[in-house]
Amino acid sequence: MLSASNSWRARPNIRRAVKREHQLPSTAPLHAGVVAVVQRFRSDLGLYVHLHCLVTDGAFEERAGELLFRPAPPPTRARMLAVLTRVREAIAAAADDDDELDLDPALAACVQRSLRGPHLAALAPDAEPPPQTLSAHGLHLHAATTVDGRDRGRLERVCRYLLRPPFAHDAVEATADGRVRVHFKAPWRRGAAFAEMTVDTFLSRLCALVPPPRFHMTRYYGVFASHHRLRARVIPSPPQPPAPGQLSLCLAPGLPEGHREAAPGPRRIGWAKLLARVFAVDVTVCSKCGGRMKIVEVVSDPQALAELVHGARAPPRSSRAGQLGLFG
């Protein structure tokens, strides 16, 4: 089973639907966008390749220098079936091109072990599928989740779901009998709330979840692509940083002494935030009062560092390994 939305072919369908809905003469001025995230896991860490796609429910029309958003009607079953048909054709073409895969035997064994496990339960013959969902060609398409673009909080939650990792650290537990238990975020339809496996199975599944080298797991199409000429007008501008509470410690190059310039906002997450995410310790928060830490002084001289950290005492000297009894 492959739960997927054929993102690279969905944009023409959206543009044609918008053209018919609004009775436009052409699809040339219409531009849609898709963000596709490749996921490789089930809740039990089994290998289950599927796509999470964030698709605009309409298209942007460029008219006389203005950019208008034209909503599209909900997808029909015929349109959804056409998407699944094209996905099947793309998978078949990719399988024909990769008949001779140079795969390490150990990794191939990990992949085979990770493929084992439960699959999506099929609906009863007389059961009606949920709205905006369709199963065909051994594939499943779910297009029932919609978000108003103005609801930034809910949109962020959907994006976090698209990009979620295989498991959380607190969801993996070592049992007393030497096995590994992986807790699910929500119980499965069969009632299972966790999966237990041996350590070897757990490690083999983790190996199978590692994507191939130089393979992009997040892809952008249409107006969301980095080189699209309308992207800057569609993507919201980042919020302006607040006024600095203290003077910058770095002088802009070429400026005279005393004239300081605010540095541009960082393009990546700072080390303090990354460490807080990994170790759950925020070094920018005071452990005594809970207030925000701020830079008071920059010290680079080793002796000055020792005096600040250890007071008037000299810094402690590292003992040799033999003195600690590590070598008898």
C-alpha atoms as a PDB file:
ATOM      1  CA  MET A   1       0.000   0.000   0.000  1.00  0.00           C
ATOM      2  CA  LEU A   2       1.211   3.481  -0.813  1.00  0.00           C
ATOM      3  CA  SER A   3      -0.731   6.392   0.651  1.00  0.00           C
ATOM      4  CA  ALA A   4       0.129   9.181  -1.730  1.00  0.00           C
ATOM      5  CA  SER A   5      -0.973  12.295  -3.523  1.00  0.00           C
ATOM      6  CA  ASN A   6       0.750  12.562  -6.899  1.00  0.00           C
ATOM      7  CA  SER A   7       2.131  16.022  -6.235  1.00  0.00           C
ATOM      8  CA  TRP A   8       4.143  16.539  -9.403  1.00  0.00           C
ATOM      9  CA  ARG A   9       1.036  15.815 -11.510  1.00  0.00           C
ATOM     10  CA  ALA A  10      -1.594  17.330  -9.210  1.00  0.00           C
ATOM     11  CA  ARG A  11      -0.915  20.943 -10.223  1.00  0.00           C
ATOM     12  CA  PRO A  12      -2.295  20.644 -13.798  1.00  0.00           C
ATOM     13  CA  ASN A  13      -5.461  19.016 -12.412  1.00  0.00           C
ATOM     14  CA  ILE A  14      -5.919  21.898  -9.949  1.00  0.00           C
ATOM     15  CA  ARG A  15      -5.371  24.506 -12.646  1.00  0.00           C
ATOM     16  CA  ARG A  16      -7.860  22.853 -14.985  1.00  0.00           C
ATOM     17  CA  ALA A  17     -10.415  22.574 -12.171  1.00  0.00           C
ATOM     18  CA  VAL A  18      -9.973  26.274 -11.359  1.00  0.00           C
ATOM     19  CA  LYS A  19     -10.311  27.149 -15.039  1.00  0.00           C
ATOM     20  CA  ARG A  20     -13.635  25.289 -15.310  1.00  0.00           C
ATOM     21  CA  GLU A  21     -14.939  26.555 -11.980  1.00  0.00           C
ATOM     22  CA  HIS A  22     -14.310  30.235 -12.743  1.00  0.00           C
ATOM     23  CA  GLN A  23     -14.811  29.983 -16.529  1.00  0.00           C
ATOM     24  CA  LEU A  24     -11.374  31.331 -17.336  1.00  0.00           C
ATOM     25  CA  PRO A  25     -10.075  31.324 -20.922  1.00  0.00           C
ATOM     26  CA  SER A  26      -6.739  29.645 -20.131  1.00  0.00           C
ATOM     27  CA  THR A  27      -4.686  27.979 -17.431  1.00  0.00           C
ATOM     28  CA  ALA A  28      -1.546  29.936 -18.363  1.00  0.00           C
ATOM     29  CA  PRO A  29      -1.898  32.639 -15.657  1.00  0.00           C
ATOM     30  CA  LEU A  30      -2.815  30.069 -12.961  1.00  0.00           C
ATOM     31  CA  HIS A  31      -0.202  28.770 -10.536  1.00  0.00           C
ATOM     32  CA  ALA A  32      -0.722  26.117  -7.837  1.00  0.00           C
ATOM     33  CA  GLY A  33       1.714  24.798  -5.246  1.00  0.00           C
ATOM     34  CA  VAL A  34       2.567  21.505  -3.563  1.00  0.00           C
ATOM     35  CA  VAL A  35       4.893  20.534  -0.702  1.00  0.00           C
ATOM     36  CA  ALA A  36       5.591  16.777  -0.718  1.00  0.00           C
ATOM     37  CA  VAL A  37       7.278  14.970   2.185  1.00  0.00           C
ATOM     38  CA  VAL A  38       8.448  11.383   1.746  1.00  0.00           C
ATOM     39  CA  GLN A  39       7.732   9.265   4.836  1.00  0.00           C
ATOM     40  CA  ARG A  40       9.113   5.735   5.233  1.00  0.00           C
ATOM     41  CA  PHE A  41       7.623   4.380   8.465  1.00  0.00           C
ATOM     42  CA  ARG A  42       4.563   2.994  10.221  1.00  0.00           C
ATOM     43  CA  SER A  43       3.809   3.512  13.895  1.00  0.00           C
ATOM     44  CA  ASP A  44       5.603   0.232  14.679  1.00  0.00           C
ATOM     45  CA  LEU A  45       8.676   1.462  12.741  1.00  0.00           C
ATOM     46  CA  GLY A  46       7.991  -0.899   9.854  1.00  0.00           C
ATOM     47  CA  LEU A  47       8.995   0.225   6.374  1.00  0.00           C
ATOM     48  CA  TYR A  48       5.896   1.838   4.829  1.00  0.00           C
ATOM     49  CA  VAL A  49       6.721   4.374   2.124  1.00  0.00           C
ATOM     50  CA  HIS A  50       4.055   7.018   1.607  1.00  0.00           C
ATOM     51  CA  LEU A  51       3.787  10.698   0.753  1.00  0.00           C
ATOM     52  CA  HIS A  52       2.445  13.566   2.831  1.00  0.00           C
ATOM     53  CA  CYS A  53       1.428  16.416   0.547  1.00  0.00           C
ATOM     54  CA  LEU A  54       0.327  19.936   1.343  1.00  0.00           C
ATOM     55  CA  VAL A  55      -1.557  21.157  -1.736  1.00  0.00           C
ATOM     56  CA  THR A  56      -3.188  24.511  -2.387  1.00  0.00           C
ATOM     57  CA  ASP A  57      -6.957  24.070  -2.766  1.00  0.00           C
ATOM     58  CA  GLY A  58      -6.916  26.436  -5.695  1.00  0.00           C
ATOM     59  CA  ALA A  59      -4.542  28.439  -7.861  1.00  0.00           C
ATOM     60  CA  PHE A  60      -3.046  31.910  -7.861  1.00  0.00           C
ATOM     61  CA  GLU A  61      -3.959  34.034 -10.866  1.00  0.00           C
ATOM     62  CA  GLU A  62      -1.687  36.823 -12.023  1.00  0.00           C
ATOM     63  CA  ARG A  63      -3.729  39.593 -13.607  1.00  0.00           C
ATOM     64  CA  ALA A  64      -2.542  43.134 -14.357  1.00  0.00           C
ATOM     65  CA  GLY A  65       0.214  42.943 -11.773  1.00  0.00           C
ATOM     66  CA  GLU A  66      -2.154  41.683  -9.045  1.00  0.00           C
ATOM     67  CA  LEU A  67      -2.191  38.201  -7.549  1.00  0.00           C
ATOM     68  CA  LEU A  68      -5.607  36.679  -6.866  1.00  0.00           C
ATOM     69  CA  PHE A  69      -6.377  33.320  -5.318  1.00  0.00           C
ATOM     70  CA  ARG A  70      -8.976  31.275  -7.157  1.00  0.00           C
ATOM     71  CA  PRO A  71     -10.390  28.425  -5.027  1.00  0.00           C
ATOM     72  CA  ALA A  72     -10.982  25.077  -6.658  1.00  0.00           C
ATOM     73  CA  PRO A  73     -13.981  22.789  -6.060  1.00  0.00           C
ATOM     74  CA  PRO A  74     -13.473  19.703  -3.861  1.00  0.00           C
ATOM     75  CA  PRO A  75     -11.835  16.838  -5.751  1.00  0.00           C
ATOM     76  CA  THR A  76     -14.228  14.368  -7.320  1.00  0.00           C
ATOM     77  CA  ARG A  77     -13.750  10.616  -7.292  1.00  0.00           C
ATOM     78  CA  ALA A  78     -12.850  10.754 -10.958  1.00  0.00           C
ATOM     79  CA  ARG A  79     -10.050  13.248 -10.289  1.00  0.00           C
ATOM     80  CA  MET A  80      -8.783  11.215  -7.328  1.00  0.00           C
ATOM     81  CA  LEU A  81      -8.815   8.048  -9.419  1.00  0.00           C
ATOM     82  CA  ALA A  82      -6.826   9.844 -12.130  1.00  0.00           C
ATOM     83  CA  VAL A  83      -4.204  10.810  -9.522  1.00  0.00           C
ATOM     84  CA  LEU A  84      -3.865   7.224  -8.285  1.00  0.00           C
ATOM     85  CA  THR A  85      -3.623   5.972 -11.867  1.00  0.00           C
ATOM     86  CA  ARG A  86      -0.739   8.334 -12.579  1.00  0.00           C
ATOM     87  CA  VAL A  87       0.952   7.347  -9.322  1.00  0.00           C
ATOM     88  CA  ARG A  88       0.768   3.697 -10.372  1.00  0.00           C
ATOM     89  CA  GLU A  89       2.262   4.554 -13.759  1.00  0.00           C
ATOM     90  CA  ALA A  90       5.093   6.506 -12.108  1.00  0.00           C
ATOM     91  CA  ILE A  91       5.836   3.617  -9.721  1.00  0.00           C
ATOM     92  CA  ALA A  92       5.865   1.120 -12.582  1.00  0.00           C
ATOM     93  CA  ALA A  93       8.240   3.301 -14.588  1.00  0.00           C
ATOM     94  CA  ALA A  94      10.559   3.708 -11.594  1.00  0.00           C
ATOM     95  CA  ALA A  95      10.525  -0.042 -10.951  1.00  0.00           C
ATOM     96  CA  ASP A  96      11.532  -0.718 -14.555  1.00  0.00           C
ATOM     97  CA  ASP A  97      14.462   1.681 -14.278  1.00  0.00           C
ATOM     98  CA  ASP A  98      15.737   0.185 -11.000  1.00  0.00           C
ATOM     99  CA  ASP A  99      15.696  -3.513 -11.811  1.00  0.00           C
ATOM    100  CA  GLU A 100      19.392  -3.855 -10.953  1.00  0.00           C
ATOM    101  CA  LEU A 101      19.739  -2.249  -7.527  1.00  0.00           C
ATOM    102  CA  ASP A 102      23.209  -2.359  -5.998  1.00  0.00           C
ATOM    103  CA  LEU A 103      21.972  -3.024  -2.458  1.00  0.00           C
ATOM    104  CA  ASP A 104      24.178  -4.307   0.327  1.00  0.00           C
ATOM    105  CA  PRO A 105      23.047  -7.806   1.399  1.00  0.00           C
ATOM    106  CA  ALA A 106      22.876  -6.805   5.061  1.00  0.00           C
ATOM    107  CA  LEU A 107      20.778  -3.768   4.242  1.00  0.00           C
ATOM    108  CA  ALA A 108      18.553  -5.858   1.981  1.00  0.00           C
ATOM    109  CA  ALA A 109      17.955  -8.242   4.893  1.00  0.00           C
ATOM    110  CA  CYS A 110      17.020  -5.279   7.120  1.00  0.00           C
ATOM    111  CA  VAL A 111      14.572  -4.038   4.496  1.00  0.00           C
ATOM    112  CA  GLN A 112      12.954  -7.467   4.156  1.00  0.00           C
ATOM    113  CA  ARG A 113      12.565  -7.775   7.917  1.00  0.00           C
ATOM    114  CA  SER A 114      11.155  -4.261   8.170  1.00  0.00           C
ATOM    115  CA  LEU A 115       8.544  -4.968   5.482  1.00  0.00           C
ATOM    116  CA  ARG A 116       6.920  -7.624   7.620  1.00  0.00           C
ATOM    117  CA  GLY A 117       4.020  -6.663   9.807  1.00  0.00           C
ATOM    118  CA  PRO A 118       0.401  -5.546   9.698  1.00  0.00           C
ATOM    119  CA  HIS A 119      -1.015  -3.633   6.772  1.00  0.00           C
ATOM    120  CA  LEU A 120      -4.007  -1.359   6.435  1.00  0.00           C
ATOM    121  CA  ALA A 121      -7.203  -3.269   7.082  1.00  0.00           C
ATOM    122  CA  ALA A 122      -9.480  -3.363   4.047  1.00  0.00           C
ATOM    123  CA  LEU A 123     -13.022  -2.064   4.358  1.00  0.00           C
ATOM    124  CA  ALA A 124     -15.892  -4.494   4.372  1.00  0.00           C
ATOM    125  CA  PRO A 125     -17.539  -4.948   0.941  1.00  0.00           C
ATOM    126  CA  ASP A 126     -20.712  -3.170   2.062  1.00  0.00           C
ATOM    127  CA  ALA A 127     -18.939  -0.356   3.949  1.00  0.00           C
ATOM    128  CA  GLU A 128     -18.825   3.119   2.481  1.00  0.00           C
ATOM    129  CA  PRO A 129     -15.362   4.683   2.387  1.00  0.00           C
ATOM    130  CA  PRO A 130     -14.919   7.957   4.265  1.00  0.00           C
ATOM    131  CA  PRO A 131     -15.513  11.102   2.197  1.00  0.00           C
ATOM    132  CA  GLN A 132     -12.613  12.416   0.095  1.00  0.00           C
ATOM    133  CA  THR A 133     -10.803   9.080   0.304  1.00  0.00           C
ATOM    134  CA  LEU A 134     -10.262   6.490  -2.393  1.00  0.00           C
ATOM    135  CA  SER A 135      -8.529   3.126  -2.753  1.00  0.00           C
ATOM    136  CA  ALA A 136      -7.551   1.837  -6.188  1.00  0.00           C
ATOM    137  CA  HIS A 137      -4.635   0.002  -7.860  1.00  0.00           C
ATOM    138  CA  GLY A 138      -3.402  -1.112  -4.419  1.00  0.00           C
ATOM    139  CA  LEU A 139      -2.988   2.548  -3.413  1.00  0.00           C
ATOM    140  CA  HIS A 140      -4.868   4.748  -0.972  1.00  0.00           C
ATOM    141  CA  LEU A 141      -5.514   8.486  -1.284  1.00  0.00           C
ATOM    142  CA  HIS A 142      -6.731  10.589   1.641  1.00  0.00           C
ATOM    143  CA  ALA A 143      -7.701  14.156   0.767  1.00  0.00           C
ATOM    144  CA  ALA A 144     -10.188  14.918   3.553  1.00  0.00           C
ATOM    145  CA  THR A 145      -7.998  17.233   5.628  1.00  0.00           C
ATOM    146  CA  THR A 146      -8.418  20.911   4.766  1.00  0.00           C
ATOM    147  CA  VAL A 147      -7.010  23.919   6.563  1.00  0.00           C
ATOM    148  CA  ASP A 148      -7.840  27.586   6.175  1.00  0.00           C
ATOM    149  CA  GLY A 149      -4.595  29.342   5.304  1.00  0.00           C
ATOM    150  CA  ARG A 150      -5.469  32.162   7.699  1.00  0.00           C
ATOM    151  CA  ASP A 151      -5.534  29.735  10.637  1.00  0.00           C
ATOM    152  CA  ARG A 152      -1.782  29.772  11.156  1.00  0.00           C
ATOM    153  CA  GLY A 153      -1.878  27.658  14.310  1.00  0.00           C
ATOM    154  CA  ARG A 154      -3.714  24.758  12.697  1.00  0.00           C
ATOM    155  CA  LEU A 155      -1.610  25.071   9.553  1.00  0.00           C
ATOM    156  CA  GLU A 156       1.527  24.771  11.679  1.00  0.00           C
ATOM    157  CA  ARG A 157       0.146  21.629  13.350  1.00  0.00           C
ATOM    158  CA  VAL A 158      -0.531  20.072   9.938  1.00  0.00           C
ATOM    159  CA  CYS A 159       2.993  20.922   8.764  1.00  0.00           C
ATOM    160  CA  ARG A 160       4.452  19.388  11.910  1.00  0.00           C
ATOM    161  CA  TYR A 161       2.465  16.235  11.208  1.00  0.00           C
ATOM    162  CA  LEU A 162       3.809  16.126   7.660  1.00  0.00           C
ATOM    163  CA  LEU A 163       7.383  16.397   8.940  1.00  0.00           C
ATOM    164  CA  ARG A 164       7.085  14.261  12.080  1.00  0.00           C
ATOM    165  CA  PRO A 165       9.977  11.886  12.883  1.00  0.00           C
ATOM    166  CA  PRO A 166       9.558   8.100  13.071  1.00  0.00           C
ATOM    167  CA  PHE A 167       9.263   8.021  16.862  1.00  0.00           C
ATOM    168  CA  ALA A 168       9.694  10.073  20.007  1.00  0.00           C
ATOM    169  CA  HIS A 169      12.361   9.179  22.568  1.00  0.00           C
ATOM    170  CA  ASP A 170       9.798   8.637  25.311  1.00  0.00           C
ATOM    171  CA  ALA A 171       7.818   6.267  23.057  1.00  0.00           C
ATOM    172  CA  VAL A 172      10.556   3.614  23.038  1.00  0.00           C
ATOM    173  CA  GLU A 173      10.861   1.455  26.146  1.00  0.00           C
ATOM    174  CA  ALA A 174      13.172  -1.416  27.075  1.00  0.00           C
ATOM    175  CA  THR A 175      11.223  -4.193  28.771  1.00  0.00           C
ATOM    176  CA  ALA A 176      12.471  -6.393  31.616  1.00  0.00           C
ATOM    177  CA  ASP A 177      12.834  -9.430  29.346  1.00  0.00           C
ATOM    178  CA  GLY A 178      15.261  -7.642  27.006  1.00  0.00           C
ATOM    179  CA  ARG A 179      12.784  -6.680  24.288  1.00  0.00           C
ATOM    180  CA  VAL A 180      11.918  -3.236  22.878  1.00  0.00           C
ATOM    181  CA  ARG A 181       8.424  -1.785  23.141  1.00  0.00           C
ATOM    182  CA  VAL A 182       7.354   1.041  20.803  1.00  0.00           C
ATOM    183  CA  HIS A 183       4.252   2.909  21.958  1.00  0.00           C
ATOM    184  CA  PHE A 184       1.897   4.331  19.321  1.00  0.00           C
ATOM    185  CA  LYS A 185       0.631   7.886  19.399  1.00  0.00           C
ATOM    186  CA  ALA A 186      -2.927   6.560  19.045  1.00  0.00           C
ATOM    187  CA  PRO A 187      -4.275   2.992  19.151  1.00  0.00           C
ATOM    188  CA  TRP A 188      -4.690   1.218  15.845  1.00  0.00           C
ATOM    189  CA  ARG A 189      -8.073   0.222  14.490  1.00  0.00           C
ATOM    190  CA  ARG A 190      -7.391  -3.285  15.722  1.00  0.00           C
ATOM    191  CA  GLY A 191      -6.916  -1.979  19.256  1.00  0.00           C
ATOM    192  CA  ALA A 192      -3.119  -2.334  19.527  1.00  0.00           C
ATOM    193  CA  ALA A 193      -1.470   0.487  21.462  1.00  0.00           C
ATOM    194  CA  PHE A 194       2.168  -0.644  21.163  1.00  0.00           C
ATOM    195  CA  ALA A 195       4.443  -3.098  19.363  1.00  0.00           C
ATOM    196  CA  GLU A 196       7.066  -5.323  20.959  1.00  0.00           C
ATOM    197  CA  MET A 197      10.067  -6.690  19.130  1.00  0.00           C
ATOM    198  CA  THR A 198      13.536  -8.026  19.704  1.00  0.00           C
ATOM    199  CA  VAL A 199      16.528  -5.738  19.780  1.00  0.00           C
ATOM    200  CA  ASP A 200      17.740  -7.106  16.440  1.00  0.00           C
ATOM    201  CA  THR A 201      14.371  -6.398  14.814  1.00  0.00           C
ATOM    202  CA  PHE A 202      14.340  -2.887  16.284  1.00  0.00           C
ATOM    203  CA  LEU A 203      17.818  -2.124  14.927  1.00  0.00           C
ATOM    204  CA  SER A 204      17.044  -3.624  11.515  1.00  0.00           C
ATOM    205  CA  ARG A 205      13.923  -1.475  11.227  1.00  0.00           C
ATOM    206  CA  LEU A 206      15.915   1.632  12.108  1.00  0.00           C
ATOM    207  CA  CYS A 207      18.441   0.760   9.390  1.00  0.00           C
ATOM    208  CA  ALA A 208      15.671   0.334   6.822  1.00  0.00           C
ATOM    209  CA  LEU A 209      14.217   3.742   7.705  1.00  0.00           C
ATOM    210  CA  VAL A 210      17.427   5.571   6.739  1.00  0.00           C
ATOM    211  CA  PRO A 211      16.780   7.160   3.314  1.00  0.00           C
ATOM    212  CA  PRO A 212      19.156   6.611   0.399  1.00  0.00           C
ATOM    213  CA  PRO A 213      22.074   9.052   0.139  1.00  0.00           C
ATOM    214  CA  ARG A 214      21.481  12.338  -1.684  1.00  0.00           C
ATOM    215  CA  PHE A 215      17.717  11.769  -1.714  1.00  0.00           C
ATOM    216  CA  HIS A 216      15.594  14.819  -0.864  1.00  0.00           C
ATOM    217  CA  MET A 217      12.827  13.905   1.583  1.00  0.00           C
ATOM    218  CA  THR A 218      11.008  17.262   1.230  1.00  0.00           C
ATOM    219  CA  ARG A 219      10.207  18.624  -2.218  1.00  0.00           C
ATOM    220  CA  TYR A 220       8.536  21.828  -3.391  1.00  0.00           C
ATOM    221  CA  TYR A 221       6.550  22.308  -6.584  1.00  0.00           C
ATOM    222  CA  GLY A 222       4.779  25.198  -8.288  1.00  0.00           C
ATOM    223  CA  VAL A 223       4.658  28.496  -6.428  1.00  0.00           C
ATOM    224  CA  PHE A 224       6.357  26.878  -3.419  1.00  0.00           C
ATOM    225  CA  ALA A 225       9.478  26.076  -5.429  1.00  0.00           C
ATOM    226  CA  SER A 226      12.510  28.179  -4.546  1.00  0.00           C
ATOM    227  CA  HIS A 227      12.998  29.548  -8.084  1.00  0.00           C
ATOM    228  CA  HIS A 228       9.359  30.305  -8.902  1.00  0.00           C
ATOM    229  CA  ARG A 229       8.947  33.971  -9.734  1.00  0.00           C
ATOM    230  CA  LEU A 230       5.767  34.297  -7.599  1.00  0.00           C
ATOM    231  CA  ARG A 231       7.102  32.579  -4.513  1.00  0.00           C
ATOM    232  CA  ALA A 232       8.097  35.771  -2.728  1.00  0.00           C
ATOM    233  CA  ARG A 233       4.558  37.123  -3.165  1.00  0.00           C
ATOM    234  CA  VAL A 234       2.886  33.930  -1.948  1.00  0.00           C
ATOM    235  CA  ILE A 235       5.073  32.909   1.001  1.00  0.00           C
ATOM    236  CA  PRO A 236       4.481  35.103   4.100  1.00  0.00           C
ATOM    237  CA  SER A 237       7.367  37.325   5.042  1.00  0.00           C
ATOM    238  CA  PRO A 238       9.162  36.377   8.282  1.00  0.00           C
ATOM    239  CA  PRO A 239       8.247  38.538  11.280  1.00  0.00           C
ATOM    240  CA  GLN A 240      10.493  41.467  11.963  1.00  0.00           C
ATOM    241  CA  PRO A 241      12.832  40.816  14.906  1.00  0.00           C
ATOM    242  CA  PRO A 242      12.159  42.942  17.995  1.00  0.00           C
ATOM    243  CA  ALA A 243      14.415  45.803  18.884  1.00  0.00           C
ATOM    244  CA  PRO A 244      17.577  44.500  20.595  1.00  0.00           C
ATOM    245  CA  GLY A 245      17.643  44.913  24.350  1.00  0.00           C
ATOM    246  CA  GLN A 246      21.357  45.551  24.377  1.00  0.00           C
ATOM    247  CA  LEU A 247      24.027  46.750  22.012  1.00  0.00           C
ATOM    248  CA  SER A 248      25.436  44.296  19.516  1.00  0.00           C
ATOM    249  CA  LEU A 249      28.759  42.830  20.538  1.00  0.00           C
ATOM    250  CA  CYS A 250      30.049  42.662  16.960  1.00  0.00           C
ATOM    251  CA  LEU A 251      31.008  45.648  14.896  1.00  0.00           C
ATOM    252  CA  ALA A 252      29.919  45.693  11.279  1.00  0.00           C
ATOM    253  CA  PRO A 253      32.979  45.580   9.024  1.00  0.00           C
ATOM    254  CA  GLY A 254      34.155  48.962   7.827  1.00  0.00           C
ATOM    255  CA  LEU A 255      32.268  50.976  10.460  1.00  0.00           C
ATOM    256  CA  PRO A 256      34.065  53.350  12.822  1.00  0.00           C
ATOM    257  CA  GLU A 257      34.397  52.609  16.524  1.00  0.00           C
ATOM    258  CA  GLY A 258      31.249  53.465  18.453  1.00  0.00           C
ATOM    259  CA  HIS A 259      28.923  52.968  15.498  1.00  0.00           C
ATOM    260  CA  ARG A 260      27.196  49.620  15.809  1.00  0.00           C
ATOM    261  CA  GLU A 261      24.739  47.995  13.470  1.00  0.00           C
ATOM    262  CA  ALA A 262      22.210  45.283  14.257  1.00  0.00           C
ATOM    263  CA  ALA A 263      23.190  41.976  12.689  1.00  0.00           C
ATOM    264  CA  PRO A 264      20.708  40.390  10.292  1.00  0.00           C
ATOM    265  CA  GLY A 265      18.453  37.676  11.627  1.00  0.00           C
ATOM    266  CA  PRO A 266      19.934  34.168  11.684  1.00  0.00           C
ATOM    267  CA  ARG A 267      19.006  31.856   8.833  1.00  0.00           C
ATOM    268  CA  ARG A 268      19.267  28.749  11.003  1.00  0.00           C
ATOM    269  CA  ILE A 269      18.257  27.694  14.494  1.00  0.00           C
ATOM    270  CA  GLY A 270      20.823  28.714  17.091  1.00  0.00           C
ATOM    271  CA  TRP A 271      22.875  26.200  19.017  1.00  0.00           C
ATOM    272  CA  ALA A 272      21.124  27.065  22.278  1.00  0.00           C
ATOM    273  CA  LYS A 273      17.739  26.069  20.854  1.00  0.00           C
ATOM    274  CA  LEU A 274      19.146  22.921  19.276  1.00  0.00           C
ATOM    275  CA  LEU A 275      20.708  21.870  22.581  1.00  0.00           C
ATOM    276  CA  ALA A 276      17.437  22.611  24.365  1.00  0.00           C
ATOM    277  CA  ARG A 277      15.583  20.324  21.963  1.00  0.00           C
ATOM    278  CA  VAL A 278      18.059  17.476  22.411  1.00  0.00           C
ATOM    279  CA  PHE A 279      18.874  17.673  26.132  1.00  0.00           C
ATOM    280  CA  ALA A 280      15.776  19.543  27.403  1.00  0.00           C
ATOM    281  CA  VAL A 281      18.030  22.162  29.035  1.00  0.00           C
ATOM    282  CA  ASP A 282      17.656  25.784  27.953  1.00  0.00           C
ATOM    283  CA  VAL A 283      20.916  27.587  28.700  1.00  0.00           C
ATOM    284  CA  THR A 284      19.280  30.940  27.929  1.00  0.00           C
ATOM    285  CA  VAL A 285      17.014  30.667  31.014  1.00  0.00           C
ATOM    286  CA  CYS A 286      18.320  31.360  34.514  1.00  0.00           C
ATOM    287  CA  SER A 287      18.078  28.245  36.704  1.00  0.00           C
ATOM    288  CA  LYS A 288      17.465  30.369  39.841  1.00  0.00           C
ATOM    289  CA  CYS A 289      14.837  32.933  38.864  1.00  0.00           C
ATOM    290  CA  GLY A 290      13.641  31.616  35.498  1.00  0.00           C
ATOM    291  CA  GLY A 291      14.435  34.904  33.792  1.00  0.00           C
ATOM    292  CA  ARG A 292      16.034  35.372  30.414  1.00  0.00           C
ATOM    293  CA  MET A 293      19.815  35.307  30.321  1.00  0.00           C
ATOM    294  CA  LYS A 294      21.666  38.075  28.519  1.00  0.00           C
ATOM    295  CA  ILE A 295      25.244  38.645  27.488  1.00  0.00           C
ATOM    296  CA  VAL A 296      27.120  40.624  30.119  1.00  0.00           C
ATOM    297  CA  GLU A 297      30.724  40.198  29.064  1.00  0.00           C
ATOM    298  CA  VAL A 298      32.739  38.399  26.420  1.00  0.00           C
ATOM    299  CA  VAL A 299      35.893  36.733  27.731  1.00  0.00           C
ATOM    300  CA  SER A 300      38.418  34.846  25.605  1.00  0.00           C
ATOM    301  CA  ASP A 301      41.579  34.840  27.780  1.00  0.00           C
ATOM    302  CA  PRO A 302      42.034  31.456  29.550  1.00  0.00           C
ATOM    303  CA  GLN A 303      43.202  33.037  32.806  1.00  0.00           C
ATOM    304  CA  ALA A 304      40.276  35.431  32.862  1.00  0.00           C
ATOM    305  CA  LEU A 305      37.911  32.516  32.199  1.00  0.00           C
ATOM    306  CA  ALA A 306      39.410  30.590  35.107  1.00  0.00           C
ATOM    307  CA  GLU A 307      38.971  33.557  37.449  1.00  0.00           C
ATOM    308  CA  LEU A 308      35.347  34.001  36.427  1.00  0.00           C
ATOM    309  CA  VAL A 309      34.461  30.329  36.739  1.00  0.00           C
ATOM    310  CA  HIS A 310      36.572  29.370  39.788  1.00  0.00           C
ATOM    311  CA  GLY A 311      37.051  32.714  41.482  1.00  0.00           C
ATOM    312  CA  ALA A 312      40.514  33.422  42.791  1.00  0.00           C
ATOM    313  CA  ARG A 313      41.450  29.717  42.690  1.00  0.00           C
ATOM    314  CA  ALA A 314      43.386  28.292  39.796  1.00  0.00           C
ATOM    315  CA  PRO A 315      41.460  26.067  37.388  1.00  0.00           C
ATOM    316  CA  PRO A 316      41.553  22.343  38.258  1.00  0.00           C
ATOM    317  CA  ARG A 317      44.172  20.296  36.487  1.00  0.00           C
ATOM    318  CA  SER A 318      43.203  17.064  34.758  1.00  0.00           C
ATOM    319  CA  SER A 319      44.583  13.956  36.433  1.00  0.00           C
ATOM    320  CA  ARG A 320      46.458  11.326  34.496  1.00  0.00           C
ATOM    321  CA  ALA A 321      44.646   8.129  33.684  1.00  0.00           C
ATOM    322  CA  GLY A 322      47.116   6.037  35.707  1.00  0.00           C
ATOM    323  CA  GLN A 323      46.487   8.137  38.834  1.00  0.00           C
ATOM    324  CA  LEU A 324      42.757   7.348  38.569  1.00  0.00           C
ATOM    325  CA  GLY A 325      43.400   3.617  38.524  1.00  0.00           C
ATOM    326  CA  LEU A 326      42.184   3.090  34.994  1.00  0.00           C
ATOM    327  CA  PHE A 327      45.268   1.073  34.067  1.00  0.00           C
ATOM    328  CA  GLY A 328      45.893  -0.739  37.299  1.00  0.00           C
END
